N, C-alpha and C. Protein backbone atom coordinates (compact mmCIF):
# COMPACT_ATOMS: atom_id res chain seq x y z
N MET A 1 38.84 -46.83 4.74
CA MET A 1 38.93 -48.21 5.18
C MET A 1 39.25 -48.30 6.67
N ALA A 2 40.24 -47.57 7.11
CA ALA A 2 40.62 -47.61 8.53
C ALA A 2 39.50 -47.06 9.40
N GLU A 3 38.81 -46.04 8.93
CA GLU A 3 37.71 -45.46 9.71
C GLU A 3 36.56 -46.46 9.85
N ALA A 4 36.26 -47.18 8.78
CA ALA A 4 35.19 -48.19 8.83
C ALA A 4 35.55 -49.30 9.81
N ALA A 5 36.80 -49.74 9.78
CA ALA A 5 37.26 -50.77 10.70
C ALA A 5 37.19 -50.26 12.15
N ALA A 6 37.59 -49.03 12.37
CA ALA A 6 37.55 -48.45 13.71
C ALA A 6 36.11 -48.37 14.21
N GLN A 7 35.16 -48.06 13.33
CA GLN A 7 33.75 -48.00 13.72
C GLN A 7 33.26 -49.37 14.20
N ILE A 8 33.69 -50.41 13.52
CA ILE A 8 33.31 -51.77 13.92
C ILE A 8 33.89 -52.09 15.29
N PHE A 9 35.16 -51.78 15.50
CA PHE A 9 35.78 -52.08 16.79
C PHE A 9 35.20 -51.22 17.91
N ARG A 10 34.84 -49.97 17.60
CA ARG A 10 34.18 -49.12 18.61
C ARG A 10 32.84 -49.74 19.00
N ALA A 11 32.10 -50.23 18.01
CA ALA A 11 30.80 -50.84 18.29
C ALA A 11 30.94 -52.07 19.16
N LEU A 12 31.98 -52.85 18.95
CA LEU A 12 32.19 -54.07 19.73
C LEU A 12 32.90 -53.81 21.05
N GLY A 13 33.36 -52.59 21.27
CA GLY A 13 34.14 -52.27 22.46
C GLY A 13 33.33 -52.02 23.71
N ILE A 14 32.04 -52.21 23.65
CA ILE A 14 31.17 -51.98 24.81
C ILE A 14 30.61 -53.34 25.25
N PRO A 15 30.79 -53.71 26.51
CA PRO A 15 30.39 -55.04 26.98
C PRO A 15 28.95 -55.42 26.64
N THR A 16 28.01 -54.50 26.79
CA THR A 16 26.61 -54.82 26.48
C THR A 16 26.44 -55.19 25.01
N ARG A 17 27.16 -54.51 24.13
CA ARG A 17 27.06 -54.82 22.71
C ARG A 17 27.66 -56.18 22.41
N LEU A 18 28.72 -56.54 23.09
CA LEU A 18 29.27 -57.89 22.93
C LEU A 18 28.25 -58.93 23.36
N LEU A 19 27.54 -58.66 24.45
CA LEU A 19 26.50 -59.58 24.90
C LEU A 19 25.41 -59.72 23.84
N VAL A 20 24.99 -58.61 23.25
CA VAL A 20 23.96 -58.64 22.22
C VAL A 20 24.45 -59.43 21.01
N VAL A 21 25.68 -59.19 20.58
CA VAL A 21 26.25 -59.91 19.44
C VAL A 21 26.29 -61.40 19.72
N MET A 22 26.74 -61.78 20.90
CA MET A 22 26.86 -63.20 21.21
C MET A 22 25.48 -63.84 21.40
N ALA A 23 24.50 -63.08 21.91
CA ALA A 23 23.14 -63.60 22.02
C ALA A 23 22.56 -63.84 20.63
N LEU A 24 22.80 -62.92 19.70
CA LEU A 24 22.33 -63.11 18.33
C LEU A 24 23.03 -64.29 17.67
N ALA A 25 24.30 -64.45 17.96
CA ALA A 25 25.04 -65.60 17.40
C ALA A 25 24.45 -66.91 17.93
N GLN A 26 24.09 -66.92 19.18
CA GLN A 26 23.53 -68.11 19.82
C GLN A 26 22.13 -68.41 19.30
N GLU A 27 21.29 -67.38 19.14
CA GLU A 27 19.91 -67.57 18.74
C GLU A 27 19.72 -67.60 17.23
N GLY A 28 20.66 -67.02 16.50
CA GLY A 28 20.53 -66.92 15.05
C GLY A 28 19.77 -65.69 14.65
N GLU A 29 18.61 -65.51 15.25
CA GLU A 29 17.76 -64.35 14.97
C GLU A 29 16.90 -64.14 16.21
N ALA A 30 16.67 -62.88 16.57
CA ALA A 30 15.86 -62.60 17.75
C ALA A 30 15.23 -61.23 17.65
N CYS A 31 14.06 -61.10 18.28
CA CYS A 31 13.41 -59.79 18.37
C CYS A 31 13.93 -59.10 19.64
N VAL A 32 13.63 -57.83 19.76
CA VAL A 32 14.09 -57.08 20.93
C VAL A 32 13.56 -57.70 22.22
N CYS A 33 12.27 -58.09 22.21
CA CYS A 33 11.69 -58.63 23.45
C CYS A 33 12.39 -59.94 23.86
N HIS A 34 12.83 -60.72 22.88
CA HIS A 34 13.55 -61.96 23.20
C HIS A 34 14.93 -61.62 23.79
N LEU A 35 15.61 -60.65 23.20
CA LEU A 35 16.92 -60.24 23.74
C LEU A 35 16.77 -59.66 25.14
N VAL A 36 15.71 -58.90 25.37
CA VAL A 36 15.44 -58.34 26.70
C VAL A 36 15.26 -59.47 27.71
N ALA A 37 14.46 -60.48 27.35
CA ALA A 37 14.23 -61.61 28.25
C ALA A 37 15.52 -62.42 28.45
N MET A 38 16.29 -62.57 27.39
CA MET A 38 17.50 -63.37 27.46
C MET A 38 18.61 -62.69 28.27
N LEU A 39 18.77 -61.39 28.08
CA LEU A 39 19.87 -60.67 28.72
C LEU A 39 19.48 -60.03 30.06
N GLY A 40 18.17 -59.96 30.35
CA GLY A 40 17.72 -59.37 31.61
C GLY A 40 17.98 -57.88 31.67
N MET A 41 17.88 -57.21 30.53
CA MET A 41 18.11 -55.76 30.45
C MET A 41 16.83 -55.05 30.03
N ARG A 42 16.80 -53.75 30.23
CA ARG A 42 15.64 -52.96 29.80
C ARG A 42 15.57 -52.88 28.28
N GLN A 43 14.35 -52.78 27.77
CA GLN A 43 14.12 -52.73 26.33
C GLN A 43 14.82 -51.53 25.70
N ALA A 44 14.78 -50.38 26.34
CA ALA A 44 15.40 -49.17 25.78
C ALA A 44 16.91 -49.35 25.62
N LEU A 45 17.54 -49.99 26.60
CA LEU A 45 18.99 -50.21 26.55
C LEU A 45 19.36 -51.16 25.41
N VAL A 46 18.63 -52.26 25.30
CA VAL A 46 18.90 -53.22 24.22
C VAL A 46 18.68 -52.56 22.87
N SER A 47 17.62 -51.79 22.72
CA SER A 47 17.33 -51.11 21.46
C SER A 47 18.43 -50.13 21.08
N GLN A 48 18.94 -49.38 22.05
CA GLN A 48 20.02 -48.42 21.77
C GLN A 48 21.27 -49.14 21.27
N HIS A 49 21.60 -50.25 21.89
CA HIS A 49 22.79 -50.98 21.47
C HIS A 49 22.58 -51.65 20.10
N LEU A 50 21.38 -52.13 19.84
CA LEU A 50 21.09 -52.68 18.52
C LEU A 50 21.22 -51.60 17.44
N MET A 51 20.77 -50.39 17.76
CA MET A 51 20.89 -49.29 16.79
C MET A 51 22.36 -49.00 16.49
N ALA A 52 23.20 -48.99 17.50
CA ALA A 52 24.63 -48.76 17.29
C ALA A 52 25.25 -49.87 16.47
N LEU A 53 24.84 -51.11 16.73
CA LEU A 53 25.37 -52.24 15.96
C LEU A 53 24.89 -52.20 14.51
N ARG A 54 23.67 -51.72 14.29
CA ARG A 54 23.15 -51.56 12.92
C ARG A 54 23.94 -50.47 12.20
N LYS A 55 24.20 -49.35 12.88
CA LYS A 55 24.97 -48.25 12.27
C LYS A 55 26.37 -48.71 11.87
N ALA A 56 26.93 -49.60 12.65
CA ALA A 56 28.27 -50.12 12.36
C ALA A 56 28.23 -51.19 11.27
N GLY A 57 27.02 -51.58 10.87
CA GLY A 57 26.88 -52.58 9.82
C GLY A 57 27.02 -54.01 10.28
N LEU A 58 26.91 -54.25 11.58
CA LEU A 58 27.10 -55.59 12.12
C LEU A 58 25.80 -56.37 12.27
N VAL A 59 24.68 -55.65 12.34
CA VAL A 59 23.38 -56.27 12.58
C VAL A 59 22.41 -55.86 11.48
N VAL A 60 21.56 -56.80 11.07
CA VAL A 60 20.54 -56.56 10.05
C VAL A 60 19.18 -56.76 10.70
N ALA A 61 18.22 -55.91 10.36
CA ALA A 61 16.87 -56.00 10.92
C ALA A 61 15.87 -56.36 9.83
N THR A 62 14.90 -57.20 10.19
CA THR A 62 13.83 -57.60 9.29
C THR A 62 12.51 -57.47 10.03
N ARG A 63 11.57 -56.73 9.46
CA ARG A 63 10.26 -56.56 10.09
C ARG A 63 9.32 -57.67 9.64
N ARG A 64 8.64 -58.27 10.64
CA ARG A 64 7.59 -59.25 10.38
C ARG A 64 6.40 -58.87 11.24
N GLY A 65 5.40 -58.27 10.61
CA GLY A 65 4.26 -57.78 11.38
C GLY A 65 4.70 -56.65 12.28
N ARG A 66 4.36 -56.73 13.54
CA ARG A 66 4.75 -55.65 14.46
C ARG A 66 6.10 -55.91 15.14
N TYR A 67 6.72 -57.03 14.83
CA TYR A 67 8.02 -57.37 15.42
C TYR A 67 9.15 -57.15 14.43
N VAL A 68 10.29 -56.71 14.96
CA VAL A 68 11.50 -56.56 14.17
C VAL A 68 12.48 -57.61 14.68
N TYR A 69 12.98 -58.41 13.77
CA TYR A 69 13.93 -59.47 14.13
C TYR A 69 15.33 -59.06 13.68
N TYR A 70 16.29 -59.31 14.54
CA TYR A 70 17.68 -58.94 14.28
C TYR A 70 18.53 -60.18 14.11
N ARG A 71 19.52 -60.07 13.25
CA ARG A 71 20.49 -61.15 13.07
C ARG A 71 21.83 -60.50 12.75
N LEU A 72 22.89 -61.27 12.93
CA LEU A 72 24.23 -60.77 12.61
C LEU A 72 24.40 -60.75 11.09
N ARG A 73 24.92 -59.66 10.57
CA ARG A 73 25.22 -59.60 9.15
C ARG A 73 26.36 -60.56 8.81
N TYR A 74 27.30 -60.68 9.74
CA TYR A 74 28.46 -61.56 9.57
C TYR A 74 28.49 -62.56 10.73
N PRO A 75 27.83 -63.70 10.60
CA PRO A 75 27.79 -64.66 11.71
C PRO A 75 29.17 -65.12 12.17
N TRP A 76 30.16 -65.08 11.30
CA TRP A 76 31.51 -65.51 11.67
C TRP A 76 32.14 -64.62 12.74
N ILE A 77 31.55 -63.43 12.97
CA ILE A 77 32.16 -62.52 13.95
C ILE A 77 32.16 -63.12 15.35
N ALA A 78 31.15 -63.96 15.66
CA ALA A 78 31.12 -64.61 16.98
C ALA A 78 32.30 -65.56 17.14
N GLY A 79 32.63 -66.29 16.08
CA GLY A 79 33.80 -67.17 16.13
C GLY A 79 35.08 -66.38 16.29
N TRP A 80 35.13 -65.25 15.65
CA TRP A 80 36.30 -64.38 15.75
C TRP A 80 36.47 -63.90 17.20
N ILE A 81 35.36 -63.53 17.83
CA ILE A 81 35.40 -63.08 19.23
C ILE A 81 35.86 -64.23 20.13
N ARG A 82 35.31 -65.42 19.90
CA ARG A 82 35.72 -66.58 20.71
C ARG A 82 37.21 -66.89 20.55
N ARG A 83 37.70 -66.84 19.32
CA ARG A 83 39.13 -67.11 19.09
C ARG A 83 40.00 -66.04 19.74
N ALA A 84 39.57 -64.79 19.68
CA ALA A 84 40.34 -63.71 20.32
C ALA A 84 40.40 -63.93 21.83
N LEU A 85 39.29 -64.36 22.42
CA LEU A 85 39.28 -64.63 23.86
C LEU A 85 40.17 -65.81 24.22
N ARG A 86 40.10 -66.88 23.41
CA ARG A 86 40.95 -68.04 23.67
C ARG A 86 42.43 -67.68 23.62
N ALA A 87 42.79 -66.78 22.73
CA ALA A 87 44.18 -66.34 22.63
C ALA A 87 44.64 -65.69 23.93
N HIS A 88 43.68 -65.19 24.71
CA HIS A 88 43.99 -64.55 25.99
C HIS A 88 43.58 -65.44 27.16
N LYS A 89 43.45 -66.74 26.89
CA LYS A 89 43.14 -67.74 27.92
C LYS A 89 41.78 -67.49 28.58
N MET A 90 40.81 -67.01 27.79
CA MET A 90 39.44 -66.80 28.27
C MET A 90 38.49 -67.59 27.39
N GLU A 91 37.32 -67.87 27.90
CA GLU A 91 36.33 -68.64 27.14
C GLU A 91 34.98 -67.95 27.26
N TRP A 92 34.25 -67.86 26.16
CA TRP A 92 32.90 -67.30 26.18
C TRP A 92 31.93 -68.44 26.45
N ARG A 93 31.17 -68.31 27.50
CA ARG A 93 30.20 -69.35 27.83
C ARG A 93 28.87 -69.06 27.16
N ARG A 94 28.15 -70.11 26.86
CA ARG A 94 26.81 -69.97 26.28
C ARG A 94 25.94 -69.17 27.23
N LEU A 95 25.17 -68.26 26.70
CA LEU A 95 24.28 -67.45 27.53
C LEU A 95 23.12 -68.32 28.01
N PRO A 96 22.64 -68.07 29.23
CA PRO A 96 21.54 -68.89 29.75
C PRO A 96 20.23 -68.60 29.02
N ALA A 97 19.31 -69.53 29.10
CA ALA A 97 17.98 -69.34 28.52
C ALA A 97 17.30 -68.16 29.23
N PRO A 98 16.38 -67.51 28.58
CA PRO A 98 15.70 -66.36 29.22
C PRO A 98 15.04 -66.76 30.54
N ALA A 99 15.12 -65.84 31.51
CA ALA A 99 14.49 -66.09 32.81
C ALA A 99 12.98 -66.11 32.66
N ARG A 100 12.46 -65.34 31.71
CA ARG A 100 11.03 -65.34 31.42
C ARG A 100 10.87 -65.49 29.91
N GLN A 101 9.71 -65.95 29.49
CA GLN A 101 9.48 -66.17 28.07
C GLN A 101 9.18 -64.86 27.35
N CYS A 102 9.57 -64.82 26.13
CA CYS A 102 9.33 -63.68 25.24
C CYS A 102 7.94 -63.86 24.62
N PRO A 103 7.15 -62.80 24.47
CA PRO A 103 5.79 -62.93 23.92
C PRO A 103 5.72 -62.92 22.39
N CYS A 104 6.84 -62.87 21.69
CA CYS A 104 6.78 -62.77 20.23
C CYS A 104 6.26 -64.07 19.61
N PRO A 105 5.71 -64.00 18.39
CA PRO A 105 5.17 -65.21 17.74
C PRO A 105 6.19 -66.33 17.56
N THR A 106 7.44 -65.98 17.32
CA THR A 106 8.47 -67.01 17.14
C THR A 106 8.64 -67.82 18.41
N CYS A 107 8.70 -67.15 19.55
CA CYS A 107 8.87 -67.85 20.82
C CYS A 107 7.62 -68.63 21.19
N ARG A 108 6.44 -68.09 20.90
CA ARG A 108 5.19 -68.81 21.19
C ARG A 108 5.10 -70.08 20.36
N THR A 109 5.63 -70.05 19.14
CA THR A 109 5.62 -71.24 18.28
C THR A 109 6.54 -72.30 18.84
N LYS A 110 7.68 -71.86 19.41
CA LYS A 110 8.64 -72.82 19.97
C LYS A 110 8.10 -73.49 21.22
N ALA A 111 7.31 -72.76 22.03
CA ALA A 111 6.78 -73.29 23.28
C ALA A 111 5.31 -72.91 23.44
N PRO A 112 4.42 -73.44 22.59
CA PRO A 112 3.04 -73.01 22.61
C PRO A 112 2.31 -73.31 23.92
N GLY A 113 2.68 -74.35 24.63
CA GLY A 113 2.01 -74.68 25.88
C GLY A 113 2.13 -73.60 26.93
N LEU A 114 3.19 -72.80 26.85
CA LEU A 114 3.40 -71.74 27.83
C LEU A 114 2.48 -70.54 27.59
N TRP A 115 1.90 -70.47 26.40
CA TRP A 115 1.10 -69.30 26.04
C TRP A 115 -0.36 -69.63 25.83
N GLY A 116 -0.79 -70.77 26.30
CA GLY A 116 -2.20 -71.12 26.20
C GLY A 116 -2.59 -71.73 24.86
N GLY A 117 -1.63 -71.91 23.97
CA GLY A 117 -1.91 -72.54 22.69
C GLY A 117 -1.85 -74.04 22.82
N LYS A 118 -2.08 -74.72 21.73
CA LYS A 118 -2.01 -76.18 21.75
C LYS A 118 -0.55 -76.62 21.73
N PRO A 119 -0.16 -77.53 22.60
CA PRO A 119 1.23 -78.00 22.62
C PRO A 119 1.56 -78.84 21.41
């Protein structure tokens, strides 16, 4: 039990992983390309951190066609992080919208005019 808890805290102890967790909390579900666009990081880096979060049991992956979508296994964890920060007089701000659009089908459906589809 203690080892499992320590694995979760180790996974959350890296700033990039906290960003990924909070981005997933904000989006609900996202593919790697969306997280890359949202966080402004390289795809390989985001994928490595997602793999670590999956190993810790914090993130669940679902394949749809050629895209894999990630979501938090425990959505309440974002609230827990926010409350922990507030206890230390800090606040987590909403992450900004992606600087560039993600090419996945989910994002194209949300903003079809940007991808040459019918608005």
